[in-house]
Amino acid sequence: MEEHFITLILEDESEIECRILTIFEAAGRDYVALLPVDAPEDDDTVYLYRYSEDENEEPVIEYIDDDDEYEIVDEAFDEWLDAQEYDELVSADEDF
């Protein structure tokens, strides 16, 4: 699977290059999970944003400023992450 990257521009105008982990749905909307490329190995920071595409099919991400919405998105991402870990365990068992 091809990896995709995006550059985040933070409030302080600093930039962070991120790899797109996944685009997923929560509460009827699309969201994206971003992993900083240059993060230390022990840093498990993941950025979650609203995701859509404009009329030219270019990605658009929006900051989630509502705490309730963020909690729903965070739970959906955790479920996705758990499913990925389960899939890895099942495929590892199939190798035996």
PDB file of N, CA and C in Angstrom:
ATOM      1  N   MET A   1       0.836  -1.172   0.000  1.00  0.00           N
ATOM      2  CA  MET A   1       0.000   0.000   0.000  1.00  0.00           C
ATOM      3  C   MET A   1       0.890   1.247   0.000  1.00  0.00           C
ATOM      4  N   GLU A   2       0.558   2.186  -0.834  1.00  0.00           N
ATOM      5  CA  GLU A   2       1.334   3.420  -0.959  1.00  0.00           C
ATOM      6  C   GLU A   2       1.095   4.327   0.247  1.00  0.00           C
ATOM      7  N   GLU A   3       2.169   4.893   0.774  1.00  0.00           N
ATOM      8  CA  GLU A   3       2.053   5.820   1.894  1.00  0.00           C
ATOM      9  C   GLU A   3       1.810   7.227   1.363  1.00  0.00           C
ATOM     10  N   HIS A   4       1.005   7.983   2.110  1.00  0.00           N
ATOM     11  CA  HIS A   4       0.715   9.365   1.759  1.00  0.00           C
ATOM     12  C   HIS A   4       1.128  10.256   2.920  1.00  0.00           C
ATOM     13  N   PHE A   5       1.586  11.445   2.585  1.00  0.00           N
ATOM     14  CA  PHE A   5       2.086  12.378   3.590  1.00  0.00           C
ATOM     15  C   PHE A   5       1.382  13.724   3.442  1.00  0.00           C
ATOM     16  N   ILE A   6       1.365  14.453   4.544  1.00  0.00           N
ATOM     17  CA  ILE A   6       0.771  15.785   4.565  1.00  0.00           C
ATOM     18  C   ILE A   6       1.588  16.643   5.526  1.00  0.00           C
ATOM     19  N   THR A   7       1.699  17.919   5.232  1.00  0.00           N
ATOM     20  CA  THR A   7       2.403  18.842   6.118  1.00  0.00           C
ATOM     21  C   THR A   7       1.377  19.639   6.912  1.00  0.00           C
ATOM     22  N   LEU A   8       1.440  19.525   8.233  1.00  0.00           N
ATOM     23  CA  LEU A   8       0.581  20.308   9.113  1.00  0.00           C
ATOM     24  C   LEU A   8       1.265  21.619   9.440  1.00  0.00           C
ATOM     25  N   ILE A   9       0.500  22.685   9.427  1.00  0.00           N
ATOM     26  CA  ILE A   9       1.006  23.979   9.874  1.00  0.00           C
ATOM     27  C   ILE A   9       0.278  24.287  11.176  1.00  0.00           C
ATOM     28  N   LEU A  10       1.041  24.353  12.253  1.00  0.00           N
ATOM     29  CA  LEU A  10       0.471  24.552  13.581  1.00  0.00           C
ATOM     30  C   LEU A  10       0.189  26.027  13.853  1.00  0.00           C
ATOM     31  N   GLU A  11      -0.481  26.304  14.971  1.00  0.00           N
ATOM     32  CA  GLU A  11      -0.838  27.680  15.335  1.00  0.00           C
ATOM     33  C   GLU A  11       0.370  28.601  15.395  1.00  0.00           C
ATOM     34  N   ASP A  12       1.514  28.072  15.823  1.00  0.00           N
ATOM     35  CA  ASP A  12       2.718  28.898  15.931  1.00  0.00           C
ATOM     36  C   ASP A  12       3.481  28.981  14.600  1.00  0.00           C
ATOM     37  N   GLU A  13       2.829  28.537  13.509  1.00  0.00           N
ATOM     38  CA  GLU A  13       3.382  28.557  12.151  1.00  0.00           C
ATOM     39  C   GLU A  13       4.485  27.525  11.918  1.00  0.00           C
ATOM     40  N   SER A  14       4.752  26.670  12.914  1.00  0.00           N
ATOM     41  CA  SER A  14       5.722  25.597  12.689  1.00  0.00           C
ATOM     42  C   SER A  14       5.056  24.518  11.837  1.00  0.00           C
ATOM     43  N   GLU A  15       5.887  23.746  11.151  1.00  0.00           N
ATOM     44  CA  GLU A  15       5.385  22.717  10.252  1.00  0.00           C
ATOM     45  C   GLU A  15       5.812  21.338  10.736  1.00  0.00           C
ATOM     46  N   ILE A  16       4.907  20.371  10.577  1.00  0.00           N
ATOM     47  CA  ILE A  16       5.199  18.990  10.945  1.00  0.00           C
ATOM     48  C   ILE A  16       4.802  18.107   9.765  1.00  0.00           C
ATOM     49  N   GLU A  17       5.752  17.348   9.281  1.00  0.00           N
ATOM     50  CA  GLU A  17       5.469  16.385   8.213  1.00  0.00           C
ATOM     51  C   GLU A  17       4.864  15.139   8.858  1.00  0.00           C
ATOM     52  N   CYS A  18       3.715  14.702   8.337  1.00  0.00           N
ATOM     53  CA  CYS A  18       3.015  13.553   8.910  1.00  0.00           C
ATOM     54  C   CYS A  18       2.668  12.531   7.836  1.00  0.00           C
ATOM     55  N   ARG A  19       2.638  11.275   8.266  1.00  0.00           N
ATOM     56  CA  ARG A  19       2.177  10.187   7.408  1.00  0.00           C
ATOM     57  C   ARG A  19       0.709   9.958   7.724  1.00  0.00           C
ATOM     58  N   ILE A  20      -0.102   9.778   6.694  1.00  0.00           N
ATOM     59  CA  ILE A  20      -1.509   9.478   6.903  1.00  0.00           C
ATOM     60  C   ILE A  20      -1.624   8.011   7.290  1.00  0.00           C
ATOM     61  N   LEU A  21      -2.078   7.765   8.519  1.00  0.00           N
ATOM     62  CA  LEU A  21      -2.271   6.392   8.986  1.00  0.00           C
ATOM     63  C   LEU A  21      -3.534   5.793   8.390  1.00  0.00           C
ATOM     64  N   THR A  22      -4.624   6.550   8.484  1.00  0.00           N
ATOM     65  CA  THR A  22      -5.898   6.073   7.967  1.00  0.00           C
ATOM     66  C   THR A  22      -6.888   7.221   7.870  1.00  0.00           C
ATOM     67  N   ILE A  23      -7.863   7.026   7.027  1.00  0.00           N
ATOM     68  CA  ILE A  23      -9.045   7.883   6.977  1.00  0.00           C
ATOM     69  C   ILE A  23     -10.183   6.982   7.432  1.00  0.00           C
ATOM     70  N   PHE A  24     -10.946   7.420   8.415  1.00  0.00           N
ATOM     71  CA  PHE A  24     -11.979   6.579   9.006  1.00  0.00           C
ATOM     72  C   PHE A  24     -13.231   7.403   9.271  1.00  0.00           C
ATOM     73  N   GLU A  25     -14.328   6.702   9.500  1.00  0.00           N
ATOM     74  CA  GLU A  25     -15.598   7.364   9.749  1.00  0.00           C
ATOM     75  C   GLU A  25     -15.960   7.281  11.222  1.00  0.00           C
ATOM     76  N   ALA A  26     -16.552   8.360  11.711  1.00  0.00           N
ATOM     77  CA  ALA A  26     -17.085   8.395  13.072  1.00  0.00           C
ATOM     78  C   ALA A  26     -18.282   9.337  13.055  1.00  0.00           C
ATOM     79  N   ALA A  27     -19.401   8.874  13.584  1.00  0.00           N
ATOM     80  CA  ALA A  27     -20.617   9.688  13.686  1.00  0.00           C
ATOM     81  C   ALA A  27     -21.005  10.301  12.338  1.00  0.00           C
ATOM     82  N   GLY A  28     -20.828   9.542  11.273  1.00  0.00           N
ATOM     83  CA  GLY A  28     -21.266   9.988   9.957  1.00  0.00           C
ATOM     84  C   GLY A  28     -20.346  10.962   9.228  1.00  0.00           C
ATOM     85  N   ARG A  29     -19.173  11.206   9.775  1.00  0.00           N
ATOM     86  CA  ARG A  29     -18.207  12.111   9.130  1.00  0.00           C
ATOM     87  C   ARG A  29     -16.890  11.386   8.946  1.00  0.00           C
ATOM     88  N   ASP A  30     -16.064  11.893   8.046  1.00  0.00           N
ATOM     89  CA  ASP A  30     -14.740  11.316   7.824  1.00  0.00           C
ATOM     90  C   ASP A  30     -13.695  12.082   8.626  1.00  0.00           C
ATOM     91  N   TYR A  31     -12.722  11.319   9.112  1.00  0.00           N
ATOM     92  CA  TYR A  31     -11.622  11.871   9.892  1.00  0.00           C
ATOM     93  C   TYR A  31     -10.324  11.236   9.411  1.00  0.00           C
ATOM     94  N   VAL A  32      -9.215  11.883   9.726  1.00  0.00           N
ATOM     95  CA  VAL A  32      -7.915  11.365   9.338  1.00  0.00           C
ATOM     96  C   VAL A  32      -7.018  11.303  10.573  1.00  0.00           C
ATOM     97  N   ALA A  33      -6.212  10.241  10.632  1.00  0.00           N
ATOM     98  CA  ALA A  33      -5.231  10.074  11.704  1.00  0.00           C
ATOM     99  C   ALA A  33      -3.853  10.284  11.097  1.00  0.00           C
ATOM    100  N   LEU A  34      -3.079  11.189  11.682  1.00  0.00           N
ATOM    101  CA  LEU A  34      -1.769  11.572  11.161  1.00  0.00           C
ATOM    102  C   LEU A  34      -0.681  11.253  12.179  1.00  0.00           C
ATOM    103  N   LEU A  35       0.401  10.660  11.707  1.00  0.00           N
ATOM    104  CA  LEU A  35       1.536  10.299  12.553  1.00  0.00           C
ATOM    105  C   LEU A  35       2.740  11.150  12.149  1.00  0.00           C
ATOM    106  N   PRO A  36       3.291  11.956  13.075  1.00  0.00           N
ATOM    107  CA  PRO A  36       4.468  12.765  12.744  1.00  0.00           C
ATOM    108  C   PRO A  36       5.633  11.882  12.289  1.00  0.00           C
ATOM    109  N   VAL A  37       6.258  12.263  11.189  1.00  0.00           N
ATOM    110  CA  VAL A  37       7.354  11.476  10.601  1.00  0.00           C
ATOM    111  C   VAL A  37       8.592  11.504  11.489  1.00  0.00           C
ATOM    112  N   ASP A  38       8.929  12.659  12.024  1.00  0.00           N
ATOM    113  CA  ASP A  38      10.168  12.811  12.782  1.00  0.00           C
ATOM    114  C   ASP A  38      10.006  12.632  14.289  1.00  0.00           C
ATOM    115  N   ALA A  39       8.898  12.049  14.719  1.00  0.00           N
ATOM    116  CA  ALA A  39       8.685  11.860  16.154  1.00  0.00           C
ATOM    117  C   ALA A  39       9.635  10.793  16.684  1.00  0.00           C
ATOM    118  N   PRO A  40      10.103  10.955  17.906  1.00  0.00           N
ATOM    119  CA  PRO A  40      10.935   9.910  18.511  1.00  0.00           C
ATOM    120  C   PRO A  40      10.171   8.591  18.567  1.00  0.00           C
ATOM    121  N   GLU A  41      10.888   7.493  18.545  1.00  0.00           N
ATOM    122  CA  GLU A  41      10.268   6.175  18.498  1.00  0.00           C
ATOM    123  C   GLU A  41       9.329   5.915  19.677  1.00  0.00           C
ATOM    124  N   ASP A  42       9.636   6.487  20.834  1.00  0.00           N
ATOM    125  CA  ASP A  42       8.798   6.267  22.014  1.00  0.00           C
ATOM    126  C   ASP A  42       7.634   7.256  22.117  1.00  0.00           C
ATOM    127  N   ASP A  43       7.483   8.139  21.137  1.00  0.00           N
ATOM    128  CA  ASP A  43       6.402   9.120  21.123  1.00  0.00           C
ATOM    129  C   ASP A  43       5.245   8.550  20.305  1.00  0.00           C
ATOM    130  N   ASP A  44       4.092   8.368  20.950  1.00  0.00           N
ATOM    131  CA  ASP A  44       2.951   7.786  20.257  1.00  0.00           C
ATOM    132  C   ASP A  44       1.902   8.831  19.876  1.00  0.00           C
ATOM    133  N   THR A  45       2.346  10.060  19.632  1.00  0.00           N
ATOM    134  CA  THR A  45       1.448  11.136  19.257  1.00  0.00           C
ATOM    135  C   THR A  45       0.811  10.862  17.902  1.00  0.00           C
ATOM    136  N   VAL A  46      -0.506  10.978  17.859  1.00  0.00           N
ATOM    137  CA  VAL A  46      -1.263  10.882  16.618  1.00  0.00           C
ATOM    138  C   VAL A  46      -2.193  12.087  16.590  1.00  0.00           C
ATOM    139  N   TYR A  47      -2.237  12.776  15.466  1.00  0.00           N
ATOM    140  CA  TYR A  47      -3.124  13.923  15.301  1.00  0.00           C
ATOM    141  C   TYR A  47      -4.391  13.464  14.604  1.00  0.00           C
ATOM    142  N   LEU A  48      -5.552  13.877  15.131  1.00  0.00           N
ATOM    143  CA  LEU A  48      -6.839  13.544  14.541  1.00  0.00           C
ATOM    144  C   LEU A  48      -7.501  14.822  14.046  1.00  0.00           C
ATOM    145  N   TYR A  49      -7.952  14.802  12.789  1.00  0.00           N
ATOM    146  CA  TYR A  49      -8.593  15.950  12.164  1.00  0.00           C
ATOM    147  C   TYR A  49      -9.809  15.506  11.370  1.00  0.00           C
ATOM    148  N   ARG A  50     -10.758  16.431  11.172  1.00  0.00           N
ATOM    149  CA  ARG A  50     -11.838  16.183  10.223  1.00  0.00           C
ATOM    150  C   ARG A  50     -11.221  16.105   8.830  1.00  0.00           C
ATOM    151  N   TYR A  51     -11.792  15.264   7.984  1.00  0.00           N
ATOM    152  CA  TYR A  51     -11.261  15.087   6.635  1.00  0.00           C
ATOM    153  C   TYR A  51     -12.394  15.225   5.622  1.00  0.00           C
ATOM    154  N   SER A  52     -12.105  15.934   4.538  1.00  0.00           N
ATOM    155  CA  SER A  52     -13.025  16.015   3.406  1.00  0.00           C
ATOM    156  C   SER A  52     -12.181  16.303   2.168  1.00  0.00           C
ATOM    157  N   GLU A  53     -12.850  16.383   1.040  1.00  0.00           N
ATOM    158  CA  GLU A  53     -12.171  16.745  -0.207  1.00  0.00           C
ATOM    159  C   GLU A  53     -12.920  17.903  -0.828  1.00  0.00           C
ATOM    160  N   ASP A  54     -12.174  18.829  -1.437  1.00  0.00           N
ATOM    161  CA  ASP A  54     -12.809  19.963  -2.094  1.00  0.00           C
ATOM    162  C   ASP A  54     -13.313  19.549  -3.476  1.00  0.00           C
ATOM    163  N   GLU A  55     -13.820  20.511  -4.221  1.00  0.00           N
ATOM    164  CA  GLU A  55     -14.397  20.226  -5.543  1.00  0.00           C
ATOM    165  C   GLU A  55     -13.370  19.683  -6.534  1.00  0.00           C
ATOM    166  N   ASN A  56     -12.086  19.876  -6.269  1.00  0.00           N
ATOM    167  CA  ASN A  56     -11.016  19.348  -7.122  1.00  0.00           C
ATOM    168  C   ASN A  56     -10.447  18.041  -6.574  1.00  0.00           C
ATOM    169  N   GLU A  57     -11.150  17.459  -5.598  1.00  0.00           N
ATOM    170  CA  GLU A  57     -10.747  16.211  -4.946  1.00  0.00           C
ATOM    171  C   GLU A  57      -9.420  16.334  -4.206  1.00  0.00           C
ATOM    172  N   GLU A  58      -9.099  17.553  -3.778  1.00  0.00           N
ATOM    173  CA  GLU A  58      -7.925  17.796  -2.952  1.00  0.00           C
ATOM    174  C   GLU A  58      -8.316  17.629  -1.486  1.00  0.00           C
ATOM    175  N   PRO A  59      -7.448  17.013  -0.675  1.00  0.00           N
ATOM    176  CA  PRO A  59      -7.795  16.820   0.734  1.00  0.00           C
ATOM    177  C   PRO A  59      -7.887  18.137   1.498  1.00  0.00           C
ATOM    178  N   VAL A  60      -8.852  18.165   2.408  1.00  0.00           N
ATOM    179  CA  VAL A  60      -9.044  19.306   3.305  1.00  0.00           C
ATOM    180  C   VAL A  60      -9.135  18.734   4.714  1.00  0.00           C
ATOM    181  N   ILE A  61      -8.312  19.249   5.621  1.00  0.00           N
ATOM    182  CA  ILE A  61      -8.399  18.813   7.015  1.00  0.00           C
ATOM    183  C   ILE A  61      -8.772  20.015   7.881  1.00  0.00           C
ATOM    184  N   GLU A  62      -9.561  19.728   8.916  1.00  0.00           N
ATOM    185  CA  GLU A  62     -10.018  20.776   9.821  1.00  0.00           C
ATOM    186  C   GLU A  62      -9.761  20.352  11.258  1.00  0.00           C
ATOM    187  N   TYR A  63      -9.322  21.282  12.045  1.00  0.00           N
ATOM    188  CA  TYR A  63      -9.086  21.066  13.472  1.00  0.00           C
ATOM    189  C   TYR A  63     -10.412  20.746  14.169  1.00  0.00           C
ATOM    190  N   ILE A  64     -10.408  19.823  15.077  1.00  0.00           N
ATOM    191  CA  ILE A  64     -11.596  19.468  15.864  1.00  0.00           C
ATOM    192  C   ILE A  64     -11.536  20.250  17.166  1.00  0.00           C
ATOM    193  N   ASP A  65     -12.396  21.258  17.301  1.00  0.00           N
ATOM    194  CA  ASP A  65     -12.334  22.098  18.494  1.00  0.00           C
ATOM    195  C   ASP A  65     -13.427  21.768  19.519  1.00  0.00           C
ATOM    196  N   ASP A  66     -14.326  20.863  19.182  1.00  0.00           N
ATOM    197  CA  ASP A  66     -15.384  20.464  20.096  1.00  0.00           C
ATOM    198  C   ASP A  66     -14.944  19.225  20.876  1.00  0.00           C
ATOM    199  N   ASP A  67     -14.930  19.316  22.202  1.00  0.00           N
ATOM    200  CA  ASP A  67     -14.455  18.211  23.048  1.00  0.00           C
ATOM    201  C   ASP A  67     -15.278  16.939  22.870  1.00  0.00           C
ATOM    202  N   ASP A  68     -16.601  17.078  22.751  1.00  0.00           N
ATOM    203  CA  ASP A  68     -17.454  15.906  22.582  1.00  0.00           C
ATOM    204  C   ASP A  68     -17.173  15.213  21.246  1.00  0.00           C
ATOM    205  N   GLU A  69     -17.033  15.996  20.199  1.00  0.00           N
ATOM    206  CA  GLU A  69     -16.707  15.430  18.886  1.00  0.00           C
ATOM    207  C   GLU A  69     -15.348  14.741  18.931  1.00  0.00           C
ATOM    208  N   TYR A  70     -14.371  15.382  19.562  1.00  0.00           N
ATOM    209  CA  TYR A  70     -13.034  14.787  19.635  1.00  0.00           C
ATOM    210  C   TYR A  70     -13.066  13.452  20.384  1.00  0.00           C
ATOM    211  N   GLU A  71     -13.849  13.368  21.446  1.00  0.00           N
ATOM    212  CA  GLU A  71     -13.941  12.126  22.207  1.00  0.00           C
ATOM    213  C   GLU A  71     -14.511  10.998  21.336  1.00  0.00           C
ATOM    214  N   ILE A  72     -15.528  11.298  20.545  1.00  0.00           N
ATOM    215  CA  ILE A  72     -16.114  10.306  19.635  1.00  0.00           C
ATOM    216  C   ILE A  72     -15.079   9.850  18.617  1.00  0.00           C
ATOM    217  N   VAL A  73     -14.343  10.796  18.063  1.00  0.00           N
ATOM    218  CA  VAL A  73     -13.320  10.497  17.054  1.00  0.00           C
ATOM    219  C   VAL A  73     -12.188   9.680  17.666  1.00  0.00           C
ATOM    220  N   ASP A  74     -11.758  10.052  18.856  1.00  0.00           N
ATOM    221  CA  ASP A  74     -10.686   9.339  19.545  1.00  0.00           C
ATOM    222  C   ASP A  74     -11.084   7.884  19.812  1.00  0.00           C
ATOM    223  N   GLU A  75     -12.325   7.668  20.248  1.00  0.00           N
ATOM    224  CA  GLU A  75     -12.807   6.305  20.485  1.00  0.00           C
ATOM    225  C   GLU A  75     -12.853   5.498  19.189  1.00  0.00           C
ATOM    226  N   ALA A  76     -13.314   6.121  18.101  1.00  0.00           N
ATOM    227  CA  ALA A  76     -13.376   5.432  16.809  1.00  0.00           C
ATOM    228  C   ALA A  76     -11.973   5.074  16.327  1.00  0.00           C
ATOM    229  N   PHE A  77     -11.010   5.974  16.534  1.00  0.00           N
ATOM    230  CA  PHE A  77      -9.638   5.680  16.134  1.00  0.00           C
ATOM    231  C   PHE A  77      -9.070   4.537  16.980  1.00  0.00           C
ATOM    232  N   ASP A  78      -9.348   4.544  18.281  1.00  0.00           N
ATOM    233  CA  ASP A  78      -8.886   3.446  19.150  1.00  0.00           C
ATOM    234  C   ASP A  78      -9.457   2.107  18.683  1.00  0.00           C
ATOM    235  N   GLU A  79     -10.732   2.096  18.273  1.00  0.00           N
ATOM    236  CA  GLU A  79     -11.338   0.871  17.754  1.00  0.00           C
ATOM    237  C   GLU A  79     -10.635   0.424  16.470  1.00  0.00           C
ATOM    238  N   TRP A  80     -10.322   1.372  15.595  1.00  0.00           N
ATOM    239  CA  TRP A  80      -9.605   1.045  14.357  1.00  0.00           C
ATOM    240  C   TRP A  80      -8.235   0.459  14.702  1.00  0.00           C
ATOM    241  N   LEU A  81      -7.554   1.090  15.655  1.00  0.00           N
ATOM    242  CA  LEU A  81      -6.230   0.631  16.055  1.00  0.00           C
ATOM    243  C   LEU A  81      -6.295  -0.776  16.646  1.00  0.00           C
ATOM    244  N   ASP A  82      -7.284  -1.023  17.492  1.00  0.00           N
ATOM    245  CA  ASP A  82      -7.459  -2.363  18.063  1.00  0.00           C
ATOM    246  C   ASP A  82      -7.699  -3.396  16.965  1.00  0.00           C
ATOM    247  N   ALA A  83      -8.491  -3.041  15.964  1.00  0.00           N
ATOM    248  CA  ALA A  83      -8.767  -3.960  14.852  1.00  0.00           C
ATOM    249  C   ALA A  83      -7.495  -4.261  14.065  1.00  0.00           C
ATOM    250  N   GLN A  84      -6.634  -3.269  13.895  1.00  0.00           N
ATOM    251  CA  GLN A  84      -5.377  -3.482  13.177  1.00  0.00           C
ATOM    252  C   GLN A  84      -4.482  -4.433  13.946  1.00  0.00           C
ATOM    253  N   GLU A  85      -4.407  -4.237  15.254  1.00  0.00           N
ATOM    254  CA  GLU A  85      -3.590  -5.118  16.087  1.00  0.00           C
ATOM    255  C   GLU A  85      -4.149  -6.533  16.075  1.00  0.00           C
ATOM    256  N   TYR A  86      -5.474  -6.684  16.096  1.00  0.00           N
ATOM    257  CA  TYR A  86      -6.100  -7.998  16.032  1.00  0.00           C
ATOM    258  C   TYR A  86      -5.780  -8.669  14.695  1.00  0.00           C
ATOM    259  N   ASP A  87      -5.910  -7.913  13.604  1.00  0.00           N
ATOM    260  CA  ASP A  87      -5.600  -8.457  12.281  1.00  0.00           C
ATOM    261  C   ASP A  87      -4.155  -8.932  12.201  1.00  0.00           C
ATOM    262  N   GLU A  88      -3.228  -8.183  12.800  1.00  0.00           N
ATOM    263  CA  GLU A  88      -1.825  -8.586  12.806  1.00  0.00           C
ATOM    264  C   GLU A  88      -1.627  -9.883  13.589  1.00  0.00           C
ATOM    265  N   LEU A  89      -2.319 -10.010  14.717  1.00  0.00           N
ATOM    266  CA  LEU A  89      -2.218 -11.232  15.513  1.00  0.00           C
ATOM    267  C   LEU A  89      -2.787 -12.427  14.752  1.00  0.00           C
ATOM    268  N   VAL A  90      -3.933 -12.252  14.112  1.00  0.00           N
ATOM    269  CA  VAL A  90      -4.546 -13.344  13.372  1.00  0.00           C
ATOM    270  C   VAL A  90      -3.666 -13.764  12.201  1.00  0.00           C
ATOM    271  N   SER A  91      -3.133 -12.810  11.464  1.00  0.00           N
ATOM    272  CA  SER A  91      -2.281 -13.157  10.318  1.00  0.00           C
ATOM    273  C   SER A  91      -0.995 -13.803  10.795  1.00  0.00           C
ATOM    274  N   ALA A  92      -0.475 -13.437  11.960  1.00  0.00           N
ATOM    275  CA  ALA A  92       0.730 -14.077  12.501  1.00  0.00           C
ATOM    276  C   ALA A  92       0.427 -15.527  12.877  1.00  0.00           C
ATOM    277  N   ASP A  93      -0.768 -15.787  13.431  1.00  0.00           N
ATOM    278  CA  ASP A  93      -1.171 -17.150  13.765  1.00  0.00           C
ATOM    279  C   ASP A  93      -1.319 -18.009  12.529  1.00  0.00           C
ATOM    280  N   GLU A  94      -1.762 -17.439  11.419  1.00  0.00           N
ATOM    281  CA  GLU A  94      -1.957 -18.175  10.188  1.00  0.00           C
ATOM    282  C   GLU A  94      -0.639 -18.607   9.577  1.00  0.00           C
ATOM    283  N   ASP A  95       0.453 -17.966   9.942  1.00  0.00           N
ATOM    284  CA  ASP A  95       1.769 -18.313   9.399  1.00  0.00           C
ATOM    285  C   ASP A  95       2.282 -19.639   9.955  1.00  0.00           C
ATOM    286  N   PHE A  96       1.703 -20.114  11.055  1.00  0.00           N
ATOM    287  CA  PHE A  96       2.169 -21.354  11.675  1.00  0.00           C
ATOM    288  C   PHE A  96       1.521 -22.560  11.070  1.00  0.00           C
TER     289      PHE A  96
END
